[in-house]
PDB file of N, CA and C in Angstrom:
ATOM      1  N   LYS A   1     116.909  39.006 315.670  1.00  0.00           N
ATOM      2  CA  LYS A   1     117.354  37.638 315.471  1.00  0.00           C
ATOM      3  C   LYS A   1     116.545  36.694 316.350  1.00  0.00           C
ATOM      4  N   GLN A   2     116.497  35.443 315.908  1.00  0.00           N
ATOM      5  CA  GLN A   2     115.759  34.422 316.637  1.00  0.00           C
ATOM      6  C   GLN A   2     116.682  33.270 317.014  1.00  0.00           C
ATOM      7  N   CYS A   3     116.312  32.556 318.061  1.00  0.00           N
ATOM      8  CA  CYS A   3     117.038  31.362 318.471  1.00  0.00           C
ATOM      9  C   CYS A   3     116.998  30.357 317.313  1.00  0.00           C
ATOM     10  N   ILE A   4     118.142  29.816 316.969  1.00  0.00           N
ATOM     11  CA  ILE A   4     118.232  28.852 315.865  1.00  0.00           C
ATOM     12  C   ILE A   4     117.407  27.599 316.153  1.00  0.00           C
ATOM     13  N   SER A   5     117.183  27.284 317.434  1.00  0.00           N
ATOM     14  CA  SER A   5     116.474  26.051 317.771  1.00  0.00           C
ATOM     15  C   SER A   5     114.975  26.215 317.958  1.00  0.00           C
ATOM     16  N   CYS A   6     114.549  27.308 318.624  1.00  0.00           N
ATOM     17  CA  CYS A   6     113.123  27.406 318.969  1.00  0.00           C
ATOM     18  C   CYS A   6     112.447  28.663 318.426  1.00  0.00           C
ATOM     19  N   ASN A   7     113.170  29.492 317.709  1.00  0.00           N
ATOM     20  CA  ASN A   7     112.643  30.723 317.110  1.00  0.00           C
ATOM     21  C   ASN A   7     112.248  31.805 318.115  1.00  0.00           C
ATOM     22  N   THR A   8     112.603  31.650 319.389  1.00  0.00           N
ATOM     23  CA  THR A   8     112.371  32.706 320.375  1.00  0.00           C
ATOM     24  C   THR A   8     113.165  33.934 319.958  1.00  0.00           C
ATOM     25  N   ILE A   9     112.573  35.110 320.072  1.00  0.00           N
ATOM     26  CA  ILE A   9     113.279  36.353 319.754  1.00  0.00           C
ATOM     27  C   ILE A   9     114.410  36.534 320.763  1.00  0.00           C
ATOM     28  N   LEU A  10     115.610  36.772 320.272  1.00  0.00           N
ATOM     29  CA  LEU A  10     116.775  36.924 321.138  1.00  0.00           C
ATOM     30  C   LEU A  10     116.923  38.383 321.550  1.00  0.00           C
ATOM     31  N   THR A  11     116.687  38.632 322.807  1.00  0.00           N
ATOM     32  CA  THR A  11     116.885  39.964 323.369  1.00  0.00           C
ATOM     33  C   THR A  11     117.678  39.792 324.653  1.00  0.00           C
ATOM     34  N   GLY A  12     118.429  40.812 325.012  1.00  0.00           N
ATOM     35  CA  GLY A  12     119.200  40.728 326.247  1.00  0.00           C
ATOM     36  C   GLY A  12     120.278  39.666 326.149  1.00  0.00           C
ATOM     37  N   LYS A  13     120.274  38.743 327.089  1.00  0.00           N
ATOM     38  CA  LYS A  13     121.318  37.721 327.165  1.00  0.00           C
ATOM     39  C   LYS A  13     120.954  36.502 326.323  1.00  0.00           C
ATOM     40  N   PHE A  14     121.868  36.126 325.442  1.00  0.00           N
ATOM     41  CA  PHE A  14     121.704  34.893 324.680  1.00  0.00           C
ATOM     42  C   PHE A  14     123.079  34.309 324.415  1.00  0.00           C
ATOM     43  N   ASP A  15     123.127  33.085 323.932  1.00  0.00           N
ATOM     44  CA  ASP A  15     124.379  32.355 323.738  1.00  0.00           C
ATOM     45  C   ASP A  15     124.747  32.235 322.271  1.00  0.00           C
ATOM     46  N   ALA A  16     126.013  31.967 322.053  1.00  0.00           N
ATOM     47  CA  ALA A  16     126.503  31.576 320.732  1.00  0.00           C
ATOM     48  C   ALA A  16     126.458  30.053 320.712  1.00  0.00           C
ATOM     49  N   GLY A  17     125.388  29.514 320.167  1.00  0.00           N
ATOM     50  CA  GLY A  17     125.200  28.064 320.157  1.00  0.00           C
ATOM     51  C   GLY A  17     125.975  27.423 319.019  1.00  0.00           C
ATOM     52  N   HIS A  18     126.712  26.383 319.343  1.00  0.00           N
ATOM     53  CA  HIS A  18     127.482  25.628 318.352  1.00  0.00           C
ATOM     54  C   HIS A  18     126.734  24.341 318.038  1.00  0.00           C
ATOM     55  N   TYR A  19     126.485  24.066 316.759  1.00  0.00           N
ATOM     56  CA  TYR A  19     125.849  22.799 316.399  1.00  0.00           C
ATOM     57  C   TYR A  19     126.788  21.652 316.760  1.00  0.00           C
ATOM     58  N   TYR A  20     128.018  21.730 316.285  1.00  0.00           N
ATOM     59  CA  TYR A  20     129.047  20.791 316.725  1.00  0.00           C
ATOM     60  C   TYR A  20     129.795  21.476 317.852  1.00  0.00           C
ATOM     61  N   ASN A  21     129.740  20.898 319.055  1.00  0.00           N
ATOM     62  CA  ASN A  21     130.245  21.595 320.229  1.00  0.00           C
ATOM     63  C   ASN A  21     131.721  21.938 320.109  1.00  0.00           C
ATOM     64  N   MET A  22     132.072  23.029 320.750  1.00  0.00           N
ATOM     65  CA  MET A  22     133.410  23.586 320.589  1.00  0.00           C
ATOM     66  C   MET A  22     134.468  22.831 321.373  1.00  0.00           C
ATOM     67  N   ASN A  23     134.079  21.978 322.284  1.00  0.00           N
ATOM     68  CA  ASN A  23     135.076  21.228 323.055  1.00  0.00           C
ATOM     69  C   ASN A  23     135.589  20.000 322.314  1.00  0.00           C
ATOM     70  N   ASN A  24     134.745  19.400 321.503  1.00  0.00           N
ATOM     71  CA  ASN A  24     135.133  18.170 320.797  1.00  0.00           C
ATOM     72  C   ASN A  24     135.412  18.366 319.315  1.00  0.00           C
ATOM     73  N   HIS A  25     135.101  19.523 318.791  1.00  0.00           N
ATOM     74  CA  HIS A  25     135.243  19.769 317.351  1.00  0.00           C
ATOM     75  C   HIS A  25     135.994  21.085 317.142  1.00  0.00           C
ATOM     76  N   TRP A  26     137.274  21.087 317.497  1.00  0.00           N
ATOM     77  CA  TRP A  26     138.074  22.309 317.446  1.00  0.00           C
ATOM     78  C   TRP A  26     138.111  22.941 316.066  1.00  0.00           C
ATOM     79  N   ASN A  27     138.113  22.130 315.031  1.00  0.00           N
ATOM     80  CA  ASN A  27     138.204  22.671 313.676  1.00  0.00           C
ATOM     81  C   ASN A  27     136.973  23.489 313.297  1.00  0.00           C
ATOM     82  N   LEU A  28     135.847  23.284 313.984  1.00  0.00           N
ATOM     83  CA  LEU A  28     134.624  24.041 313.694  1.00  0.00           C
ATOM     84  C   LEU A  28     134.313  25.078 314.773  1.00  0.00           C
ATOM     85  N   ARG A  29     135.191  25.207 315.737  1.00  0.00           N
ATOM     86  CA  ARG A  29     134.950  26.090 316.876  1.00  0.00           C
ATOM     87  C   ARG A  29     134.650  27.526 316.459  1.00  0.00           C
ATOM     88  N   PHE A  30     135.331  28.012 315.425  1.00  0.00           N
ATOM     89  CA  PHE A  30     135.169  29.397 314.981  1.00  0.00           C
ATOM     90  C   PHE A  30     134.478  29.510 313.626  1.00  0.00           C
ATOM     91  N   ASP A  31     133.916  28.425 313.142  1.00  0.00           N
ATOM     92  CA  ASP A  31     133.235  28.403 311.851  1.00  0.00           C
ATOM     93  C   ASP A  31     131.860  29.052 312.008  1.00  0.00           C
ATOM     94  N   LEU A  32     131.622  30.146 311.309  1.00  0.00           N
ATOM     95  CA  LEU A  32     130.383  30.899 311.484  1.00  0.00           C
ATOM     96  C   LEU A  32     129.136  30.150 311.019  1.00  0.00           C
ATOM     97  N   GLU A  33     129.291  29.127 310.200  1.00  0.00           N
ATOM     98  CA  GLU A  33     128.125  28.322 309.833  1.00  0.00           C
ATOM     99  C   GLU A  33     127.780  27.326 310.936  1.00  0.00           C
ATOM    100  N   ASN A  34     128.668  27.155 311.897  1.00  0.00           N
ATOM    101  CA  ASN A  34     128.456  26.260 313.024  1.00  0.00           C
ATOM    102  C   ASN A  34     127.990  27.005 314.271  1.00  0.00           C
ATOM    103  N   ILE A  35     128.003  28.336 314.228  1.00  0.00           N
ATOM    104  CA  ILE A  35     127.682  29.155 315.394  1.00  0.00           C
ATOM    105  C   ILE A  35     126.479  30.045 315.082  1.00  0.00           C
ATOM    106  N   TRP A  36     125.434  29.934 315.889  1.00  0.00           N
ATOM    107  CA  TRP A  36     124.227  30.723 315.687  1.00  0.00           C
ATOM    108  C   TRP A  36     123.710  31.200 317.032  1.00  0.00           C
ATOM    109  N   GLY A  37     122.991  32.302 317.020  1.00  0.00           N
ATOM    110  CA  GLY A  37     122.379  32.794 318.242  1.00  0.00           C
ATOM    111  C   GLY A  37     121.402  31.771 318.776  1.00  0.00           C
ATOM    112  N   GLN A  38     121.484  31.562 320.087  1.00  0.00           N
ATOM    113  CA  GLN A  38     120.629  30.557 320.702  1.00  0.00           C
ATOM    114  C   GLN A  38     120.210  31.040 322.093  1.00  0.00           C
ATOM    115  N   CYS A  39     118.962  30.827 322.444  1.00  0.00           N
ATOM    116  CA  CYS A  39     118.512  31.225 323.778  1.00  0.00           C
ATOM    117  C   CYS A  39     119.207  30.345 324.825  1.00  0.00           C
ATOM    118  N   VAL A  40     119.323  30.880 326.004  1.00  0.00           N
ATOM    119  CA  VAL A  40     119.996  30.174 327.096  1.00  0.00           C
ATOM    120  C   VAL A  40     119.312  28.842 327.386  1.00  0.00           C
ATOM    121  N   ARG A  41     117.979  28.824 327.330  1.00  0.00           N
ATOM    122  CA  ARG A  41     117.237  27.580 327.601  1.00  0.00           C
ATOM    123  C   ARG A  41     117.640  26.476 326.639  1.00  0.00           C
ATOM    124  N   CYS A  42     117.618  26.765 325.341  1.00  0.00           N
ATOM    125  CA  CYS A  42     117.970  25.738 324.356  1.00  0.00           C
ATOM    126  C   CYS A  42     119.432  25.319 324.474  1.00  0.00           C
ATOM    127  N   ASN A  43     120.321  26.296 324.597  1.00  0.00           N
ATOM    128  CA  ASN A  43     121.736  25.982 324.598  1.00  0.00           C
ATOM    129  C   ASN A  43     122.171  25.258 325.867  1.00  0.00           C
ATOM    130  N   ARG A  44     121.731  25.731 326.999  1.00  0.00           N
ATOM    131  CA  ARG A  44     122.224  25.174 328.266  1.00  0.00           C
ATOM    132  C   ARG A  44     121.289  24.114 328.841  1.00  0.00           C
ATOM    133  N   SER A  45     120.035  24.432 328.967  1.00  0.00           N
ATOM    134  CA  SER A  45     119.103  23.495 329.603  1.00  0.00           C
ATOM    135  C   SER A  45     118.775  22.305 328.707  1.00  0.00           C
ATOM    136  N   LEU A  46     118.661  22.558 327.413  1.00  0.00           N
ATOM    137  CA  LEU A  46     118.305  21.482 326.468  1.00  0.00           C
ATOM    138  C   LEU A  46     119.526  20.964 325.702  1.00  0.00           C
ATOM    139  N   HIS A  47     120.719  21.311 326.168  1.00  0.00           N
ATOM    140  CA  HIS A  47     121.977  20.841 325.578  1.00  0.00           C
ATOM    141  C   HIS A  47     122.053  21.086 324.077  1.00  0.00           C
ATOM    142  N   GLY A  48     121.593  22.255 323.679  1.00  0.00           N
ATOM    143  CA  GLY A  48     121.659  22.655 322.283  1.00  0.00           C
ATOM    144  C   GLY A  48     120.371  22.450 321.506  1.00  0.00           C
ATOM    145  N   ASN A  49     119.437  21.665 322.048  1.00  0.00           N
ATOM    146  CA  ASN A  49     118.188  21.387 321.342  1.00  0.00           C
ATOM    147  C   ASN A  49     118.501  21.027 319.878  1.00  0.00           C
ATOM    148  N   LEU A  50     119.385  20.039 319.727  1.00  0.00           N
ATOM    149  CA  LEU A  50     120.036  19.772 318.440  1.00  0.00           C
ATOM    150  C   LEU A  50     119.120  19.291 317.319  1.00  0.00           C
ATOM    151  N   ILE A  51     118.043  18.615 317.640  1.00  0.00           N
ATOM    152  CA  ILE A  51     117.135  18.165 316.571  1.00  0.00           C
ATOM    153  C   ILE A  51     116.514  19.370 315.879  1.00  0.00           C
ATOM    154  N   GLU A  52     116.009  20.310 316.673  1.00  0.00           N
ATOM    155  CA  GLU A  52     115.426  21.524 316.095  1.00  0.00           C
ATOM    156  C   GLU A  52     116.513  22.405 315.479  1.00  0.00           C
ATOM    157  N   TYR A  53     117.687  22.438 316.115  1.00  0.00           N
ATOM    158  CA  TYR A  53     118.821  23.213 315.589  1.00  0.00           C
ATOM    159  C   TYR A  53     119.134  22.749 314.168  1.00  0.00           C
ATOM    160  N   ARG A  54     119.249  21.432 313.989  1.00  0.00           N
ATOM    161  CA  ARG A  54     119.600  20.888 312.674  1.00  0.00           C
ATOM    162  C   ARG A  54     118.549  21.237 311.619  1.00  0.00           C
ATOM    163  N   LYS A  55     117.271  21.147 311.980  1.00  0.00           N
ATOM    164  CA  LYS A  55     116.206  21.477 311.029  1.00  0.00           C
ATOM    165  C   LYS A  55     116.345  22.920 310.533  1.00  0.00           C
ATOM    166  N   ARG A  56     116.563  23.824 311.461  1.00  0.00           N
ATOM    167  CA  ARG A  56     116.657  25.240 311.088  1.00  0.00           C
ATOM    168  C   ARG A  56     118.001  25.576 310.449  1.00  0.00           C
ATOM    169  N   LEU A  57     119.033  24.850 310.851  1.00  0.00           N
ATOM    170  CA  LEU A  57     120.346  25.044 310.232  1.00  0.00           C
ATOM    171  C   LEU A  57     120.285  24.684 308.749  1.00  0.00           C
ATOM    172  N   LEU A  58     119.556  23.655 308.427  1.00  0.00           N
ATOM    173  CA  LEU A  58     119.375  23.243 307.033  1.00  0.00           C
ATOM    174  C   LEU A  58     118.767  24.374 306.209  1.00  0.00           C
ATOM    175  N   THR A  59     117.798  25.090 306.767  1.00  0.00           N
ATOM    176  CA  THR A  59     117.204  26.200 306.025  1.00  0.00           C
ATOM    177  C   THR A  59     118.163  27.392 305.940  1.00  0.00           C
ATOM    178  N   GLN A  60     119.054  27.547 306.913  1.00  0.00           N
ATOM    179  CA  GLN A  60     119.988  28.671 306.919  1.00  0.00           C
ATOM    180  C   GLN A  60     121.163  28.466 305.965  1.00  0.00           C
ATOM    181  N   ILE A  61     121.764  27.269 305.979  1.00  0.00           N
ATOM    182  CA  ILE A  61     122.990  27.069 305.195  1.00  0.00           C
ATOM    183  C   ILE A  61     122.825  26.064 304.058  1.00  0.00           C
ATOM    184  N   GLY A  62     121.665  25.426 303.982  1.00  0.00           N
ATOM    185  CA  GLY A  62     121.403  24.492 302.892  1.00  0.00           C
ATOM    186  C   GLY A  62     122.050  23.133 303.092  1.00  0.00           C
ATOM    187  N   GLU A  63     121.702  22.217 302.196  1.00  0.00           N
ATOM    188  CA  GLU A  63     122.223  20.849 302.284  1.00  0.00           C
ATOM    189  C   GLU A  63     123.734  20.794 302.129  1.00  0.00           C
ATOM    190  N   ASP A  64     124.275  21.592 301.191  1.00  0.00           N
ATOM    191  CA  ASP A  64     125.726  21.575 300.963  1.00  0.00           C
ATOM    192  C   ASP A  64     126.479  22.082 302.182  1.00  0.00           C
ATOM    193  N   GLY A  65     125.981  23.155 302.782  1.00  0.00           N
ATOM    194  CA  GLY A  65     126.629  23.693 303.970  1.00  0.00           C
ATOM    195  C   GLY A  65     126.584  22.724 305.133  1.00  0.00           C
ATOM    196  N   LEU A  66     125.447  22.062 305.308  1.00  0.00           N
ATOM    197  CA  LEU A  66     125.303  21.097 306.391  1.00  0.00           C
ATOM    198  C   LEU A  66     126.173  19.871 306.144  1.00  0.00           C
ATOM    199  N   LYS A  67     126.256  19.437 304.898  1.00  0.00           N
ATOM    200  CA  LYS A  67     127.117  18.301 304.569  1.00  0.00           C
ATOM    201  C   LYS A  67     128.577  18.645 304.846  1.00  0.00           C
ATOM    202  N   ARG A  68     128.971  19.888 304.532  1.00  0.00           N
ATOM    203  CA  ARG A  68     130.353  20.307 304.797  1.00  0.00           C
ATOM    204  C   ARG A  68     130.641  20.239 306.300  1.00  0.00           C
ATOM    205  N   LEU A  69     129.718  20.753 307.121  1.00  0.00           N
ATOM    206  CA  LEU A  69     129.915  20.676 308.575  1.00  0.00           C
ATOM    207  C   LEU A  69     129.988  19.224 309.041  1.00  0.00           C
ATOM    208  N   ASP A  70     129.080  18.388 308.530  1.00  0.00           N
ATOM    209  CA  ASP A  70     129.079  16.969 308.906  1.00  0.00           C
ATOM    210  C   ASP A  70     130.397  16.300 308.531  1.00  0.00           C
ATOM    211  N   ASP A  71     130.924  16.630 307.360  1.00  0.00           N
ATOM    212  CA  ASP A  71     132.195  16.040 306.916  1.00  0.00           C
ATOM    213  C   ASP A  71     133.373  16.562 307.731  1.00  0.00           C
ATOM    214  N   GLU A  72     133.382  17.851 308.010  1.00  0.00           N
ATOM    215  CA  GLU A  72     134.520  18.460 308.694  1.00  0.00           C
ATOM    216  C   GLU A  72     134.523  18.225 310.197  1.00  0.00           C
ATOM    217  N   CYS A  73     133.419  17.795 310.762  1.00  0.00           N
ATOM    218  CA  CYS A  73     133.373  17.616 312.216  1.00  0.00           C
ATOM    219  C   CYS A  73     134.319  16.515 312.677  1.00  0.00           C
ATOM    220  N   HIS A  74     134.710  15.628 311.791  1.00  0.00           N
ATOM    221  CA  HIS A  74     135.588  14.513 312.151  1.00  0.00           C
ATOM    222  C   HIS A  74     137.065  14.836 311.954  1.00  0.00           C
ATOM    223  N   VAL A  75     137.356  15.970 311.351  1.00  0.00           N
ATOM    224  CA  VAL A  75     138.739  16.359 311.094  1.00  0.00           C
ATOM    225  C   VAL A  75     139.366  16.844 312.396  1.00  0.00           C
ATOM    226  N   ILE A  76     140.566  16.379 312.665  1.00  0.00           N
ATOM    227  CA  ILE A  76     141.283  16.839 313.852  1.00  0.00           C
ATOM    228  C   ILE A  76     142.220  17.957 313.429  1.00  0.00           C
ATOM    229  N   ARG A  77     142.124  19.072 314.140  1.00  0.00           N
ATOM    230  CA  ARG A  77     142.931  20.235 313.775  1.00  0.00           C
ATOM    231  C   ARG A  77     143.412  20.940 315.023  1.00  0.00           C
ATOM    232  N   LYS A  78     144.649  21.380 314.982  1.00  0.00           N
ATOM    233  CA  LYS A  78     145.184  22.223 316.043  1.00  0.00           C
ATOM    234  C   LYS A  78     145.528  23.562 315.425  1.00  0.00           C
ATOM    235  N   PHE A  79     145.110  24.634 316.079  1.00  0.00           N
ATOM    236  CA  PHE A  79     145.411  25.972 315.603  1.00  0.00           C
ATOM    237  C   PHE A  79     146.773  26.412 316.125  1.00  0.00           C
ATOM    238  N   THR A  80     147.510  27.119 315.281  1.00  0.00           N
ATOM    239  CA  THR A  80     148.758  27.732 315.746  1.00  0.00           C
ATOM    240  C   THR A  80     148.417  29.023 316.481  1.00  0.00           C
ATOM    241  N   LYS A  81     149.367  29.527 317.230  1.00  0.00           N
ATOM    242  CA  LYS A  81     149.152  30.798 317.920  1.00  0.00           C
ATOM    243  C   LYS A  81     148.830  31.901 316.924  1.00  0.00           C
ATOM    244  N   ASP A  82     149.569  31.924 315.807  1.00  0.00           N
ATOM    245  CA  ASP A  82     149.318  32.957 314.798  1.00  0.00           C
ATOM    246  C   ASP A  82     147.908  32.866 314.225  1.00  0.00           C
ATOM    247  N   GLU A  83     147.433  31.649 313.978  1.00  0.00           N
ATOM    248  CA  GLU A  83     146.064  31.479 313.483  1.00  0.00           C
ATOM    249  C   GLU A  83     145.047  31.987 314.505  1.00  0.00           C
ATOM    250  N   LEU A  84     145.281  31.694 315.767  1.00  0.00           N
ATOM    251  CA  LEU A  84     144.360  32.147 316.810  1.00  0.00           C
ATOM    252  C   LEU A  84     144.372  33.669 316.931  1.00  0.00           C
ATOM    253  N   TYR A  85     145.542  34.289 316.788  1.00  0.00           N
ATOM    254  CA  TYR A  85     145.609  35.751 316.809  1.00  0.00           C
ATOM    255  C   TYR A  85     144.847  36.349 315.629  1.00  0.00           C
ATOM    256  N   GLU A  86     144.952  35.717 314.448  1.00  0.00           N
ATOM    257  CA  GLU A  86     144.215  36.182 313.269  1.00  0.00           C
ATOM    258  C   GLU A  86     142.704  36.051 313.481  1.00  0.00           C
ATOM    259  N   ILE A  87     142.292  34.937 314.034  1.00  0.00           N
ATOM    260  CA  ILE A  87     140.868  34.720 314.302  1.00  0.00           C
ATOM    261  C   ILE A  87     140.373  35.749 315.319  1.00  0.00           C
ATOM    262  N   GLN A  88     141.167  35.993 316.343  1.00  0.00           N
ATOM    263  CA  GLN A  88     140.795  36.976 317.361  1.00  0.00           C
ATOM    264  C   GLN A  88     140.631  38.360 316.737  1.00  0.00           C
ATOM    265  N   ALA A  89     141.561  38.735 315.884  1.00  0.00           N
ATOM    266  CA  ALA A  89     141.488  40.045 315.224  1.00  0.00           C
ATOM    267  C   ALA A  89     140.255  40.129 314.326  1.00  0.00           C
ATOM    268  N   GLU A  90     139.968  39.057 313.610  1.00  0.00           N
ATOM    269  CA  GLU A  90     138.794  39.022 312.725  1.00  0.00           C
ATOM    270  C   GLU A  90     137.497  39.202 313.520  1.00  0.00           C
ATOM    271  N   PHE A  91     137.380  38.494 314.642  1.00  0.00           N
ATOM    272  CA  PHE A  91     136.161  38.594 315.438  1.00  0.00           C
ATOM    273  C   PHE A  91     136.058  39.939 316.153  1.00  0.00           C
ATOM    274  N   LYS A  92     137.172  40.513 316.550  1.00  0.00           N
ATOM    275  CA  LYS A  92     137.137  41.857 317.142  1.00  0.00           C
ATOM    276  C   LYS A  92     136.634  42.865 316.124  1.00  0.00           C
ATOM    277  N   LYS A  93     137.077  42.717 314.870  1.00  0.00           N
ATOM    278  CA  LYS A  93     136.613  43.616 313.816  1.00  0.00           C
ATOM    279  C   LYS A  93     135.108  43.442 313.587  1.00  0.00           C
ATOM    280  N   LYS A  94     134.650  42.186 313.553  1.00  0.00           N
ATOM    281  CA  LYS A  94     133.219  41.925 313.375  1.00  0.00           C
ATOM    282  C   LYS A  94     132.407  42.547 314.513  1.00  0.00           C
ATOM    283  N   LEU A  95     132.904  42.429 315.736  1.00  0.00           N
ATOM    284  CA  LEU A  95     132.217  43.009 316.882  1.00  0.00           C
ATOM    285  C   LEU A  95     132.171  44.527 316.778  1.00  0.00           C
ATOM    286  N   LYS A  96     133.267  45.124 316.358  1.00  0.00           N
ATOM    287  CA  LYS A  96     133.316  46.581 316.180  1.00  0.00           C
ATOM    288  C   LYS A  96     132.317  47.026 315.110  1.00  0.00           C
ATOM    289  N   ASP A  97     132.253  46.273 314.008  1.00  0.00           N
ATOM    290  CA  ASP A  97     131.312  46.584 312.936  1.00  0.00           C
ATOM    291  C   ASP A  97     129.868  46.510 313.426  1.00  0.00           C
ATOM    292  N   ILE A  98     129.568  45.508 314.250  1.00  0.00           N
ATOM    293  CA  ILE A  98     128.222  45.351 314.789  1.00  0.00           C
ATOM    294  C   ILE A  98     127.867  46.527 315.685  1.00  0.00           C
ATOM    295  N   LYS A  99     128.800  46.948 316.513  1.00  0.00           N
ATOM    296  CA  LYS A  99     128.544  48.029 317.460  1.00  0.00           C
ATOM    297  C   LYS A  99     128.353  49.383 316.760  1.00  0.00           C
ATOM    298  N   LEU A 100     128.812  49.488 315.504  1.00  0.00           N
ATOM    299  CA  LEU A 100     128.637  50.731 314.758  1.00  0.00           C
ATOM    300  C   LEU A 100     127.195  50.916 314.321  1.00  0.00           C
ATOM    301  N   TYR A 101     126.422  49.847 314.253  1.00  0.00           N
ATOM    302  CA  TYR A 101     125.039  49.932 313.767  1.00  0.00           C
ATOM    303  C   TYR A 101     124.076  50.066 314.880  1.00  0.00           C
TER     304      TYR A 101
END
């Protein structure tokens, strides 16, 4: 895999970079089209390197996917405890599946 922003090969330690940050856009916090592997430099030092992120995100999810994220970023949403438990279980399963390969 490569960094969504700079195409650096991701090895060792890397971040889950959010195009729409997870602190201000709760409804997209767990949206997999909003989360991509990102090198520590781009995510932390360059605050997401968002111009390059957006360019590459467009090639990954297309115009419709990007428009959906742009539209949904303004929606205010609160998750229930049950929803968060479901999301946690889903991501644990995904992690287990990854570790099998």
